[in-house]
Amino acid sequence: MLETWIIVTIIACFLQNIRSLFQKKLQKELSNTGSTYTRFGYGFPFVIIYVFLLSYIYDFAIPTLNFQFIFYCIIGGVSQIIATYLLLRTFLLLNFAVANAYSKTEPIQAVFFGTIILSEQITSIGFIAIVIAVLGVLLIPISKDISLSTFKEKIFNFSTIIGVLSGTLFGIAGVCFRGASLSLVHESSLMVSATTLLIAMTLQFVIFTLYLVYKEPQQIILSFKNYKYSLIVGISGATASMCWFYCMAVQNVAYVRALGQIELLFSFMVSILYLKEKVRLNEIIGICVMLFGIILIVLYT
């Protein structure tokens, strides 16, 4: 029987894919910054409702906060904002699925950050599984006629760099959010993860709103004019975050994010069936290798 965190992670991937798709659509009307904002600005109210319902229905008290918790939330929140912005930037340079692929180098980076920041360890087979999954991702941008020189150009170009950097920042954010959850004392992992999400989202909402009001106030107005897509981004993004934060509260971030690469499968389905983008053979092979790594994670972690 599958563990709860595995099922919840897959749900988070599906919802996150919906969020990314509609953020890509919003880029036709909004800037990268404006599209990024819809995730936090329109998701924030739903997070408040979520925490209220948990507290009311299950009679959970909000955990007592501490300095370490706030510190982790600030670092994680800012890292996630920048990572989301960079991911949306890659959507303008690459197709939807490949742009997502570069950010999915996150799990192998999360292993490093988890060890450095939280002193967490993973099993040998877990590490091998993560490496296999990431290798699958790295196969995606390789074309059949690529040479050594063009391969270097593929790997060391601007779109690749910002895509991988978004993965780095997502990895830092995930580890920091897990650190924040672990710093709280409470009987319910669900309430701990919800509290972490609420504080992180509050910080992100305040920081991002103040920035836009000062630098790009028209983007807030444009998000209102495109409220249907903005609401879809907010609802799907907030619900995905609820799932992610729960999983990261109960399991090592590297495992959660490695399993989360199954989002690429959803991305390719969207890319082929909805956006009508072409997908090459090497991209399919990369997906298969990635799925093999994910299967190992599900079976042996």
Protein backbone atom coordinates (compact mmCIF):
# COMPACT_ATOMS: atom_id res chain seq x y z
CA MET A 1 0.00 0.00 0.00
CA LEU A 2 1.32 3.44 -0.95
CA GLU A 3 2.25 5.75 1.91
CA THR A 4 0.17 8.89 2.31
CA TRP A 5 3.00 11.27 1.39
CA ILE A 6 3.43 9.53 -1.98
CA ILE A 7 -0.24 9.95 -2.93
CA VAL A 8 -0.30 13.56 -1.71
CA THR A 9 2.88 14.37 -3.66
CA ILE A 10 1.35 13.07 -6.90
CA ILE A 11 -1.74 15.22 -6.28
CA ALA A 12 0.54 18.22 -5.67
CA CYS A 13 2.31 17.56 -8.99
CA PHE A 14 -0.95 17.50 -10.91
CA LEU A 15 -2.15 20.74 -9.30
CA GLN A 16 1.20 22.44 -9.75
CA ASN A 17 1.13 21.57 -13.43
CA ILE A 18 -2.25 23.27 -13.74
CA ARG A 19 -0.88 26.31 -11.95
CA SER A 20 2.16 26.53 -14.24
CA LEU A 21 0.02 26.12 -17.35
CA PHE A 22 -2.26 29.02 -16.46
CA GLN A 23 0.67 31.17 -15.37
CA LYS A 24 2.10 30.56 -18.84
CA LYS A 25 -1.24 31.72 -20.29
CA LEU A 26 -1.16 34.84 -18.12
CA GLN A 27 2.23 35.76 -19.56
CA LYS A 28 0.38 36.90 -22.69
CA GLU A 29 -1.19 39.72 -20.67
CA LEU A 30 1.08 40.13 -17.62
CA SER A 31 4.82 40.47 -17.11
CA ASN A 32 6.90 37.69 -15.53
CA THR A 33 6.58 39.49 -12.21
CA GLY A 34 2.83 39.88 -12.55
CA SER A 35 2.39 36.22 -13.49
CA THR A 36 4.51 35.19 -10.51
CA TYR A 37 2.43 37.37 -8.20
CA THR A 38 -0.84 35.59 -9.04
CA ARG A 39 0.47 32.45 -7.34
CA PHE A 40 0.87 34.25 -4.02
CA GLY A 41 -1.61 37.09 -4.23
CA TYR A 42 -4.57 34.95 -5.26
CA GLY A 43 -3.50 31.88 -3.31
CA PHE A 44 -3.12 33.63 0.04
CA PRO A 45 -6.87 33.89 0.90
CA PHE A 46 -7.34 30.16 0.30
CA VAL A 47 -4.46 29.34 2.66
CA ILE A 48 -6.10 31.44 5.37
CA ILE A 49 -9.38 29.53 4.86
CA TYR A 50 -7.49 26.22 4.97
CA VAL A 51 -5.81 26.96 8.31
CA PHE A 52 -9.08 28.28 9.76
CA LEU A 53 -10.96 25.11 8.75
CA LEU A 54 -8.26 22.87 10.24
CA SER A 55 -8.38 24.81 13.47
CA TYR A 56 -12.19 24.87 13.58
CA ILE A 57 -13.06 21.37 12.40
CA TYR A 58 -10.29 19.45 14.18
CA ASP A 59 -9.92 21.86 17.09
CA PHE A 60 -6.18 22.24 16.39
CA ALA A 61 -4.38 25.07 18.13
CA ILE A 62 -1.83 27.00 16.08
CA PRO A 63 1.70 26.00 17.23
CA THR A 64 3.83 28.48 19.16
CA LEU A 65 6.23 30.19 16.75
CA ASN A 66 9.93 30.76 17.41
CA PHE A 67 12.82 32.71 15.88
CA GLN A 68 14.25 29.70 14.03
CA PHE A 69 10.85 29.06 12.45
CA ILE A 70 10.48 32.68 11.26
CA PHE A 71 14.05 32.71 9.89
CA TYR A 72 13.49 29.55 7.86
CA CYS A 73 10.18 30.89 6.55
CA ILE A 74 11.76 34.15 5.39
CA ILE A 75 14.62 32.44 3.54
CA GLY A 76 12.32 29.81 2.08
CA GLY A 77 9.66 32.33 1.08
CA VAL A 78 12.05 34.68 -0.72
CA SER A 79 13.80 31.75 -2.44
CA GLN A 80 10.45 30.43 -3.69
CA ILE A 81 9.44 33.82 -5.10
CA ILE A 82 12.68 34.15 -7.08
CA ALA A 83 12.54 30.50 -8.18
CA THR A 84 8.99 30.91 -9.51
CA TYR A 85 10.00 34.07 -11.39
CA LEU A 86 12.97 32.30 -13.00
CA LEU A 87 10.82 29.30 -13.95
CA LEU A 88 8.32 31.57 -15.69
CA ARG A 89 11.21 33.29 -17.47
CA THR A 90 12.29 29.93 -18.93
CA PHE A 91 8.75 29.40 -20.23
CA LEU A 92 9.37 32.35 -22.56
CA LEU A 93 12.65 30.85 -23.82
CA LEU A 94 11.79 27.14 -24.07
CA ASN A 95 8.72 24.96 -24.52
CA PHE A 96 6.56 24.23 -21.48
CA ALA A 97 7.82 20.70 -20.74
CA VAL A 98 11.54 21.37 -21.28
CA ALA A 99 11.42 24.55 -19.18
CA ASN A 100 9.93 22.51 -16.33
CA ALA A 101 12.62 19.85 -16.84
CA TYR A 102 15.52 22.17 -16.04
CA SER A 103 13.95 23.21 -12.74
CA LYS A 104 13.59 19.51 -11.87
CA THR A 105 17.30 19.21 -11.11
CA GLU A 106 16.04 20.37 -7.71
CA PRO A 107 16.05 16.94 -5.94
CA ILE A 108 19.79 16.30 -6.31
CA GLN A 109 20.40 19.84 -5.07
CA ALA A 110 17.97 19.27 -2.19
CA VAL A 111 20.14 16.34 -1.05
CA PHE A 112 23.06 18.75 -0.70
CA PHE A 113 21.08 21.52 1.01
CA GLY A 114 19.30 19.05 3.30
CA THR A 115 22.65 17.70 4.47
CA ILE A 116 24.18 21.15 4.97
CA ILE A 117 21.19 22.92 6.54
CA LEU A 118 19.34 20.15 8.41
CA SER A 119 22.03 17.42 8.66
CA GLU A 120 19.59 14.97 7.05
CA GLN A 121 20.84 11.80 5.42
CA ILE A 122 19.36 9.59 2.72
CA THR A 123 19.93 5.89 1.99
CA SER A 124 22.35 4.74 -0.71
CA ILE A 125 19.56 3.35 -2.90
CA GLY A 126 17.59 6.55 -2.33
CA PHE A 127 20.52 8.60 -3.61
CA ILE A 128 20.97 6.32 -6.63
CA ALA A 129 17.25 6.62 -7.42
CA ILE A 130 17.44 10.42 -7.25
CA VAL A 131 20.50 10.48 -9.53
CA ILE A 132 18.73 8.23 -12.07
CA ALA A 133 15.66 10.47 -12.03
CA VAL A 134 17.76 13.61 -12.54
CA LEU A 135 19.77 11.96 -15.34
CA GLY A 136 16.47 11.27 -17.07
CA VAL A 137 15.67 14.96 -16.82
CA LEU A 138 19.07 15.91 -18.26
CA LEU A 139 18.47 13.72 -21.32
CA ILE A 140 15.54 15.88 -22.32
CA PRO A 141 17.38 18.84 -23.94
CA ILE A 142 19.74 16.63 -26.01
CA SER A 143 18.91 16.44 -29.73
CA LYS A 144 19.81 13.51 -32.02
CA ASP A 145 22.32 15.50 -34.09
CA ILE A 146 24.06 17.17 -31.18
CA SER A 147 27.85 17.43 -31.13
CA LEU A 148 30.19 18.10 -28.21
CA SER A 149 30.32 21.81 -29.00
CA THR A 150 26.55 22.17 -29.41
CA PHE A 151 26.03 20.09 -26.26
CA LYS A 152 28.11 22.63 -24.34
CA GLU A 153 25.99 25.38 -25.86
CA LYS A 154 22.83 23.56 -24.77
CA ILE A 155 24.08 23.13 -21.22
CA PHE A 156 25.89 26.43 -20.74
CA ASN A 157 23.40 28.93 -22.09
CA PHE A 158 21.19 31.51 -20.42
CA SER A 159 17.93 29.53 -20.50
CA THR A 160 19.60 26.44 -19.01
CA ILE A 161 21.35 28.44 -16.31
CA ILE A 162 18.22 30.21 -15.07
CA GLY A 163 16.24 26.97 -15.31
CA VAL A 164 18.73 25.11 -13.14
CA LEU A 165 19.03 28.12 -10.82
CA SER A 166 15.26 28.00 -10.30
CA GLY A 167 15.75 24.37 -9.24
CA THR A 168 18.47 25.45 -6.80
CA LEU A 169 16.20 28.02 -5.19
CA PHE A 170 13.25 25.62 -5.08
CA GLY A 171 15.57 23.16 -3.32
CA ILE A 172 16.62 25.77 -0.76
CA ALA A 173 12.99 26.77 -0.24
CA GLY A 174 11.88 23.17 0.30
CA VAL A 175 14.63 22.44 2.82
CA CYS A 176 13.95 25.71 4.68
CA PHE A 177 10.22 24.98 4.87
CA ARG A 178 10.96 21.51 6.25
CA GLY A 179 13.34 23.11 8.75
CA ALA A 180 10.58 25.51 9.78
CA SER A 181 8.12 22.63 10.29
CA LEU A 182 10.64 20.60 12.30
CA SER A 183 11.25 23.58 14.61
CA LEU A 184 7.60 23.57 15.76
CA VAL A 185 6.22 21.38 18.53
CA HIS A 186 2.70 20.08 17.85
CA GLU A 187 0.81 16.78 17.86
CA SER A 188 -0.45 17.20 14.29
CA SER A 189 1.87 17.21 11.25
CA LEU A 190 -1.05 18.57 9.25
CA MET A 191 -1.38 21.65 11.47
CA VAL A 192 2.39 22.13 11.57
CA SER A 193 2.59 22.13 7.78
CA ALA A 194 -0.45 24.41 7.50
CA THR A 195 1.05 26.91 9.94
CA THR A 196 4.35 26.90 8.04
CA LEU A 197 2.50 27.49 4.78
CA LEU A 198 0.42 30.31 6.28
CA ILE A 199 3.42 32.22 7.66
CA ALA A 200 5.48 31.67 4.51
CA MET A 201 2.61 32.74 2.26
CA THR A 202 1.89 35.80 4.43
CA LEU A 203 5.50 36.94 4.10
CA GLN A 204 5.45 36.29 0.35
CA PHE A 205 2.15 38.11 -0.10
CA VAL A 206 3.29 41.19 1.84
CA ILE A 207 6.74 41.36 0.20
CA PHE A 208 5.46 40.83 -3.32
CA THR A 209 2.47 43.19 -2.98
CA LEU A 210 4.65 46.01 -1.65
CA TYR A 211 7.14 45.44 -4.46
CA LEU A 212 4.47 45.56 -7.16
CA VAL A 213 2.75 48.59 -5.68
CA TYR A 214 6.10 50.40 -5.80
CA LYS A 215 7.53 49.08 -9.10
CA GLU A 216 4.70 47.70 -11.29
CA PRO A 217 1.28 48.70 -9.89
CA GLN A 218 -0.34 48.14 -13.29
CA GLN A 219 0.38 44.42 -12.97
CA ILE A 220 -2.02 44.14 -10.03
CA ILE A 221 -4.72 45.83 -12.12
CA LEU A 222 -3.99 43.51 -15.06
CA SER A 223 -4.28 40.48 -12.77
CA PHE A 224 -7.77 41.70 -11.77
CA LYS A 225 -8.71 42.07 -15.44
CA ASN A 226 -7.60 38.47 -15.97
CA TYR A 227 -9.19 37.33 -12.73
CA LYS A 228 -10.42 33.96 -14.09
CA TYR A 229 -6.92 32.71 -14.88
CA SER A 230 -5.53 34.44 -11.80
CA LEU A 231 -8.02 32.62 -9.57
CA ILE A 232 -7.20 29.28 -11.18
CA VAL A 233 -3.51 29.93 -10.53
CA GLY A 234 -4.28 30.97 -6.94
CA ILE A 235 -6.53 28.00 -6.11
CA SER A 236 -4.40 25.33 -7.79
CA GLY A 237 -1.17 26.87 -6.46
CA ALA A 238 -2.46 27.15 -2.89
CA THR A 239 -3.84 23.59 -2.90
CA ALA A 240 -0.59 22.24 -4.35
CA SER A 241 1.32 24.11 -1.63
CA MET A 242 -0.88 22.56 1.06
CA CYS A 243 0.10 19.15 -0.29
CA TRP A 244 3.80 19.98 -0.67
CA PHE A 245 4.11 21.45 2.80
CA TYR A 246 2.47 18.41 4.38
CA CYS A 247 4.81 16.04 2.54
CA MET A 248 7.91 18.06 3.42
CA ALA A 249 6.86 18.08 7.07
CA VAL A 250 6.74 14.26 7.22
CA GLN A 251 9.42 13.18 4.72
CA ASN A 252 12.93 14.13 3.54
CA VAL A 253 12.67 16.96 0.98
CA ALA A 254 14.97 15.17 -1.50
CA TYR A 255 12.61 12.17 -1.68
CA VAL A 256 9.52 14.35 -1.95
CA ARG A 257 10.99 16.51 -4.71
CA ALA A 258 12.40 13.49 -6.57
CA LEU A 259 8.97 11.87 -6.61
CA GLY A 260 7.63 15.27 -7.58
CA GLN A 261 9.41 14.98 -10.91
CA ILE A 262 6.40 13.00 -12.06
CA GLU A 263 5.03 16.48 -12.77
CA LEU A 264 7.11 16.29 -15.96
CA LEU A 265 4.87 13.48 -17.16
CA PHE A 266 1.88 15.79 -16.72
CA SER A 267 3.86 18.58 -18.43
CA PHE A 268 4.48 16.47 -21.51
CA MET A 269 0.83 15.47 -21.66
CA VAL A 270 -0.13 19.16 -21.59
CA SER A 271 2.62 19.97 -24.09
CA ILE A 272 1.42 17.34 -26.59
CA LEU A 273 -2.36 17.27 -26.11
CA TYR A 274 -3.17 20.87 -25.19
CA LEU A 275 -0.40 23.19 -26.34
CA LYS A 276 0.31 21.07 -29.46
CA GLU A 277 4.07 21.39 -28.92
CA LYS A 278 6.37 18.83 -30.52
CA VAL A 279 8.12 16.31 -28.28
CA ARG A 280 11.25 14.51 -29.48
CA LEU A 281 12.30 10.88 -28.96
CA ASN A 282 15.08 11.80 -26.52
CA GLU A 283 12.53 13.65 -24.39
CA ILE A 284 10.42 10.48 -24.21
CA ILE A 285 13.51 8.42 -23.29
CA GLY A 286 14.38 10.97 -20.62
CA ILE A 287 10.89 10.71 -19.16
CA CYS A 288 11.15 6.89 -19.04
CA VAL A 289 14.52 7.01 -17.25
CA MET A 290 13.12 9.56 -14.82
CA LEU A 291 10.09 7.36 -14.12
CA PHE A 292 12.40 4.41 -13.39
CA GLY A 293 14.16 6.49 -10.74
CA ILE A 294 10.80 7.51 -9.30
CA ILE A 295 9.67 3.87 -9.10
CA LEU A 296 12.81 3.05 -7.10
CA ILE A 297 12.01 5.88 -4.70
CA VAL A 298 8.44 4.67 -4.21
CA LEU A 299 9.57 1.06 -3.63
CA TYR A 300 12.62 1.56 -1.45
CA THR A 301 12.22 4.74 0.63
